[in-house]
């Protein structure tokens, strides 16, 4: 029988010679910050979003940028004559090109997408995220055997809970210890406040969209999605998305992982603090 890493004891965790951990939680809960506090020479930092953007959505992202560039006659002439090329600069800390590709529903004059186009891009992201999470198994081996990293951390996207793909979570639980960074009410309010101030496109389940979009249209007396202000819709929708996601995170953690307080990330100074945090959660 395959062992689920979240069922190990604190003692077994500390004795685990090649640790592999998946960070689960809301965007803004401190996953990337926590991963960056671990020694770079002994921990391989795998960013799910980076893998999605640079491997599986690379071409769609660039095609989207090129379509926008072609609207500018000066740039269009240069692109047609192969006098210039366009590339993105996605990094672990700069995922803006992915967000810009996902876009938001609404008035095209305000940069909004039609529902059909939005769903098409969301479906592409879902497929890319699933494959990127399946890639974790190979990268654990590659990071150790090829690059010599003894430990591995999977900095998963906030939308991991949205995939509704049990086999993905099961494989991650077999290969890594799933660590859910659970935010306090205060931190959750901060995450919501930051997101409302700077709306950022993101992936979420199509069923959730189909549920909330009619409510927004009715509440605002709009005839159709093409009348939506994309930013206003996001600010209305995001608190509902948080409410939708929290039980999904909890369910994954309860069955496969361990829960730690996301508020404690700021107190982590290095590897020893991190390992103690995880061991305490397992206890």
Protein backbone atom coordinates (compact mmCIF):
# COMPACT_ATOMS: atom_id res chain seq x y z
CA UNK A 1 0.00 0.00 0.00
CA UNK A 2 1.33 3.45 -0.95
CA UNK A 3 2.07 5.65 2.04
CA UNK A 4 0.45 9.06 2.16
CA UNK A 5 3.15 11.46 3.33
CA UNK A 6 0.66 13.46 5.41
CA UNK A 7 0.22 10.43 7.68
CA UNK A 8 3.84 10.28 8.82
CA UNK A 9 4.91 11.06 12.38
CA UNK A 10 7.06 14.06 13.34
CA UNK A 11 9.94 11.67 14.02
CA UNK A 12 9.62 10.03 10.61
CA UNK A 13 9.46 13.45 8.97
CA UNK A 14 12.66 14.62 10.64
CA UNK A 15 14.40 11.38 9.62
CA UNK A 16 13.21 11.71 6.01
CA UNK A 17 16.51 12.16 4.19
CA UNK A 18 15.14 13.65 0.95
CA UNK A 19 12.16 15.75 1.93
CA UNK A 20 9.54 16.69 -0.68
CA UNK A 21 6.79 19.13 0.25
CA UNK A 22 3.84 20.66 -1.60
CA UNK A 23 2.66 24.06 -0.38
CA UNK A 24 -1.11 24.39 -0.60
CA UNK A 25 -3.07 27.57 -0.02
CA UNK A 26 -4.59 30.80 -1.20
CA UNK A 27 -2.50 33.15 -3.31
CA UNK A 28 -1.10 35.62 -0.81
CA UNK A 29 -0.89 33.13 2.06
CA UNK A 30 2.91 33.04 1.89
CA UNK A 31 3.76 29.97 -0.21
CA UNK A 32 6.41 31.62 -2.42
CA UNK A 33 7.73 33.68 0.51
CA UNK A 34 8.16 30.51 2.56
CA UNK A 35 9.86 28.63 -0.27
CA UNK A 36 12.29 31.52 -0.75
CA UNK A 37 13.41 31.25 2.89
CA UNK A 38 14.81 27.76 2.39
CA UNK A 39 18.49 27.27 1.43
CA UNK A 40 18.82 27.46 -2.35
CA UNK A 41 21.67 24.97 -2.41
CA UNK A 42 19.70 22.16 -0.73
CA UNK A 43 16.06 22.84 -1.73
CA UNK A 44 14.84 22.71 -5.33
CA UNK A 45 12.05 25.28 -5.73
CA UNK A 46 9.45 24.03 -8.20
CA UNK A 47 6.89 26.70 -9.07
CA UNK A 48 3.72 25.26 -10.57
CA UNK A 49 2.75 28.63 -12.07
CA UNK A 50 6.21 29.08 -13.60
CA UNK A 51 6.01 25.62 -15.18
CA UNK A 52 2.54 26.40 -16.54
CA UNK A 53 3.62 29.70 -18.06
CA UNK A 54 6.96 28.68 -19.52
CA UNK A 55 6.10 25.16 -20.70
CA UNK A 56 2.40 24.56 -21.25
CA UNK A 57 0.93 28.02 -21.88
CA UNK A 58 4.02 29.56 -23.45
CA UNK A 59 2.63 29.66 -27.00
CA UNK A 60 -0.92 30.82 -26.11
CA UNK A 61 0.52 33.58 -23.92
CA UNK A 62 2.81 34.80 -26.69
CA UNK A 63 0.04 34.57 -29.28
CA UNK A 64 -2.13 36.76 -27.07
CA UNK A 65 0.63 39.35 -26.72
CA UNK A 66 1.23 39.31 -30.48
CA UNK A 67 -2.47 39.84 -31.20
CA UNK A 68 -2.38 42.98 -29.06
CA UNK A 69 0.85 44.15 -30.69
CA UNK A 70 -0.65 43.70 -34.15
CA UNK A 71 -3.24 46.34 -33.26
CA UNK A 72 -0.42 48.92 -33.33
CA UNK A 73 0.50 49.61 -36.98
CA UNK A 74 4.15 50.38 -36.19
CA UNK A 75 4.61 47.09 -34.31
CA UNK A 76 2.52 45.16 -36.83
CA UNK A 77 4.85 46.13 -39.68
CA UNK A 78 7.90 45.07 -37.69
CA UNK A 79 6.35 41.72 -36.74
CA UNK A 80 5.26 40.95 -40.32
CA UNK A 81 8.74 41.65 -41.65
CA UNK A 82 10.41 39.58 -38.92
CA UNK A 83 12.25 42.72 -37.81
CA UNK A 84 11.45 42.03 -34.16
CA UNK A 85 10.33 39.20 -31.96
CA UNK A 86 8.30 39.08 -28.79
CA UNK A 87 9.03 37.01 -25.70
CA UNK A 88 7.67 37.08 -22.18
CA UNK A 89 9.74 37.34 -19.01
CA UNK A 90 7.92 34.99 -16.65
CA UNK A 91 9.75 34.34 -13.39
CA UNK A 92 8.73 32.75 -10.11
CA UNK A 93 8.08 36.26 -8.77
CA UNK A 94 6.58 37.73 -11.96
CA UNK A 95 3.59 35.79 -13.27
CA UNK A 96 1.86 38.77 -14.87
CA UNK A 97 1.97 37.33 -18.43
CA UNK A 98 -0.09 34.34 -17.22
CA UNK A 99 -2.67 36.58 -15.56
CA UNK A 100 -2.88 38.83 -18.61
CA UNK A 101 -3.57 35.79 -20.78
CA UNK A 102 -6.34 34.50 -18.51
CA UNK A 103 -8.03 37.89 -18.61
CA UNK A 104 -11.43 38.81 -17.16
CA UNK A 105 -14.99 38.70 -18.40
CA UNK A 106 -16.55 41.96 -19.50
CA UNK A 107 -16.83 44.88 -21.87
CA UNK A 108 -14.23 44.51 -24.67
CA UNK A 109 -13.76 48.29 -24.63
CA UNK A 110 -12.50 47.87 -21.05
CA UNK A 111 -10.28 44.92 -21.93
CA UNK A 112 -12.89 42.30 -21.08
CA UNK A 113 -13.37 38.90 -22.71
CA UNK A 114 -16.50 37.17 -23.87
CA UNK A 115 -17.68 34.29 -21.69
CA UNK A 116 -16.79 31.79 -24.42
CA UNK A 117 -13.23 33.12 -24.79
CA UNK A 118 -12.77 33.36 -21.04
CA UNK A 119 -13.86 29.74 -20.60
CA UNK A 120 -11.56 28.64 -23.44
CA UNK A 121 -8.56 30.20 -21.72
CA UNK A 122 -9.61 28.83 -18.35
CA UNK A 123 -9.81 25.33 -19.84
CA UNK A 124 -6.30 25.71 -21.25
CA UNK A 125 -5.02 26.75 -17.84
CA UNK A 126 -6.73 23.85 -16.09
CA UNK A 127 -5.17 21.34 -18.49
CA UNK A 128 -1.76 23.00 -18.08
CA UNK A 129 -1.97 22.98 -14.28
CA UNK A 130 -2.93 19.32 -14.18
CA UNK A 131 0.08 18.33 -16.31
CA UNK A 132 2.38 20.65 -14.34
CA UNK A 133 1.35 18.92 -11.11
CA UNK A 134 1.86 15.47 -12.63
CA UNK A 135 5.34 16.70 -13.60
CA UNK A 136 6.23 17.05 -9.91
CA UNK A 137 7.08 13.34 -9.66
CA UNK A 138 9.65 13.56 -12.47
CA UNK A 139 11.08 16.81 -11.15
CA UNK A 140 11.64 15.32 -7.70
CA UNK A 141 13.85 12.68 -9.32
CA UNK A 142 15.46 15.14 -11.71
CA UNK A 143 16.25 17.68 -9.02
CA UNK A 144 18.05 15.01 -6.99
CA UNK A 145 19.66 12.81 -9.63
CA UNK A 146 20.58 15.52 -12.16
CA UNK A 147 21.12 18.61 -10.05
CA UNK A 148 22.01 17.13 -6.68
CA UNK A 149 19.33 18.79 -4.56
CA UNK A 150 18.47 16.60 -1.55
CA UNK A 151 15.13 18.34 -0.86
CA UNK A 152 12.22 19.54 -2.99
CA UNK A 153 9.44 22.07 -2.49
CA UNK A 154 6.44 22.34 -4.79
CA UNK A 155 5.13 25.91 -4.70
CA UNK A 156 1.66 25.08 -6.06
CA UNK A 157 -0.72 27.68 -7.42
CA UNK A 158 -3.67 28.88 -5.39
CA UNK A 159 -5.98 27.19 -7.89
CA UNK A 160 -4.73 23.65 -7.13
CA UNK A 161 -7.91 23.11 -5.12
CA UNK A 162 -10.00 24.04 -8.17
CA UNK A 163 -8.83 21.24 -10.47
CA UNK A 164 -11.37 18.63 -9.34
CA UNK A 165 -8.88 15.97 -10.41
CA UNK A 166 -8.47 13.50 -7.50
CA UNK A 167 -5.62 11.57 -9.12
CA UNK A 168 -3.47 14.72 -9.18
CA UNK A 169 -3.87 15.27 -5.45
CA UNK A 170 -3.38 11.56 -4.75
CA UNK A 171 -0.08 11.48 -6.64
CA UNK A 172 1.13 14.62 -4.90
CA UNK A 173 0.21 13.04 -1.55
CA UNK A 174 2.18 9.91 -2.42
CA UNK A 175 5.28 11.85 -3.48
CA UNK A 176 5.18 14.91 -1.23
CA UNK A 177 3.94 16.06 2.14
CA UNK A 178 1.03 18.44 1.42
CA UNK A 179 1.30 21.42 3.73
CA UNK A 180 -1.79 23.65 3.86
CA UNK A 181 -1.00 27.21 4.88
CA UNK A 182 -4.27 28.11 6.56
CA UNK A 183 -4.81 31.85 6.97
CA UNK A 184 -6.30 33.40 10.08
CA UNK A 185 -9.35 35.60 9.72
CA UNK A 186 -7.10 38.67 9.87
CA UNK A 187 -4.75 37.39 7.15
CA UNK A 188 -7.68 36.29 5.02
CA UNK A 189 -9.10 39.80 5.22
CA UNK A 190 -5.71 41.19 4.15
CA UNK A 191 -5.59 38.81 1.17
CA UNK A 192 -9.08 39.87 0.12
CA UNK A 193 -8.28 43.56 0.62
CA UNK A 194 -5.10 43.34 -1.49
CA UNK A 195 -6.94 41.50 -4.25
CA UNK A 196 -9.76 44.02 -4.30
CA UNK A 197 -7.29 46.88 -4.61
CA UNK A 198 -5.46 45.23 -7.51
CA UNK A 199 -7.75 42.73 -9.29
CA UNK A 200 -5.74 39.93 -10.89
CA UNK A 201 -7.12 37.39 -13.37
CA UNK A 202 -7.02 33.83 -12.10
CA UNK A 203 -8.29 30.33 -12.78
CA UNK A 204 -11.40 28.97 -11.07
CA UNK A 205 -13.95 26.28 -11.77
CA UNK A 206 -16.39 26.79 -14.65
CA UNK A 207 -19.24 25.60 -12.42
CA UNK A 208 -18.45 28.40 -9.98
CA UNK A 209 -18.54 30.94 -12.81
CA UNK A 210 -21.87 29.59 -14.07
CA UNK A 211 -23.25 29.95 -10.55
CA UNK A 212 -22.13 33.50 -9.74
CA UNK A 213 -22.23 35.27 -13.11
CA UNK A 214 -26.06 35.32 -13.39
CA UNK A 215 -26.23 36.66 -9.84
CA UNK A 216 -23.92 39.55 -10.71
CA UNK A 217 -25.85 40.39 -13.88
CA UNK A 218 -29.18 40.39 -12.00
CA UNK A 219 -27.84 42.37 -9.06
CA UNK A 220 -26.46 45.05 -11.39
CA UNK A 221 -29.41 45.03 -13.85
CA UNK A 222 -27.16 44.16 -16.81
CA UNK A 223 -28.45 42.55 -19.99
CA UNK A 224 -25.31 40.53 -20.66
CA UNK A 225 -21.65 39.92 -19.84
CA UNK A 226 -20.50 42.37 -22.52
CA UNK A 227 -21.78 45.18 -20.27
CA UNK A 228 -19.63 44.13 -17.31
CA UNK A 229 -16.84 46.28 -15.95
CA UNK A 230 -14.16 43.57 -15.54
CA UNK A 231 -12.58 45.07 -12.42
CA UNK A 232 -15.92 45.67 -10.72
CA UNK A 233 -17.00 42.09 -11.41
CA UNK A 234 -13.75 40.74 -9.96
CA UNK A 235 -14.14 42.80 -6.79
CA UNK A 236 -17.70 41.49 -6.39
CA UNK A 237 -16.73 37.90 -7.19
CA UNK A 238 -13.48 37.44 -5.26
CA UNK A 239 -14.90 37.22 -1.70
CA UNK A 240 -17.30 34.56 -3.00
CA UNK A 241 -14.35 32.71 -4.57
CA UNK A 242 -12.52 32.74 -1.24
CA UNK A 243 -15.61 31.32 0.47
CA UNK A 244 -15.78 28.67 -2.27
CA UNK A 245 -12.10 27.70 -1.98
CA UNK A 246 -11.62 27.43 1.78
CA UNK A 247 -13.52 24.14 2.24
CA UNK A 248 -11.73 22.70 -0.80
CA UNK A 249 -8.33 23.39 0.81
CA UNK A 250 -9.57 21.96 4.10
CA UNK A 251 -10.80 18.77 2.43
CA UNK A 252 -7.44 18.15 0.76
CA UNK A 253 -5.55 18.81 3.98
CA UNK A 254 -7.83 16.62 6.08
CA UNK A 255 -7.48 13.61 3.79
CA UNK A 256 -3.91 13.96 2.59
CA UNK A 257 -1.93 16.64 4.36
CA UNK A 258 -1.17 18.70 7.39
CA UNK A 259 -2.41 22.14 8.43
CA UNK A 260 -0.16 24.94 9.69
CA UNK A 261 -0.94 28.58 10.40
CA UNK A 262 -0.10 30.78 7.42
CA UNK A 263 0.42 33.69 9.82
CA UNK A 264 3.56 31.96 11.12
CA UNK A 265 5.36 32.29 7.77
CA UNK A 266 6.69 35.73 8.75
CA UNK A 267 8.34 34.17 11.82
CA UNK A 268 10.25 31.60 9.76
CA UNK A 269 13.90 32.65 9.52
CA UNK A 270 15.33 29.60 7.82
CA UNK A 271 15.26 25.86 7.31
CA UNK A 272 15.29 24.86 10.99
CA UNK A 273 12.25 27.02 11.75
CA UNK A 274 10.46 25.61 8.72
CA UNK A 275 11.12 21.98 9.62
CA UNK A 276 9.99 22.59 13.19
CA UNK A 277 6.78 24.20 11.91
CA UNK A 278 6.03 21.15 9.77
CA UNK A 279 6.88 18.69 12.56
CA UNK A 280 4.58 20.57 14.92
CA UNK A 281 1.77 20.35 12.39
CA UNK A 282 2.29 16.60 12.03
CA UNK A 283 2.21 16.20 15.79
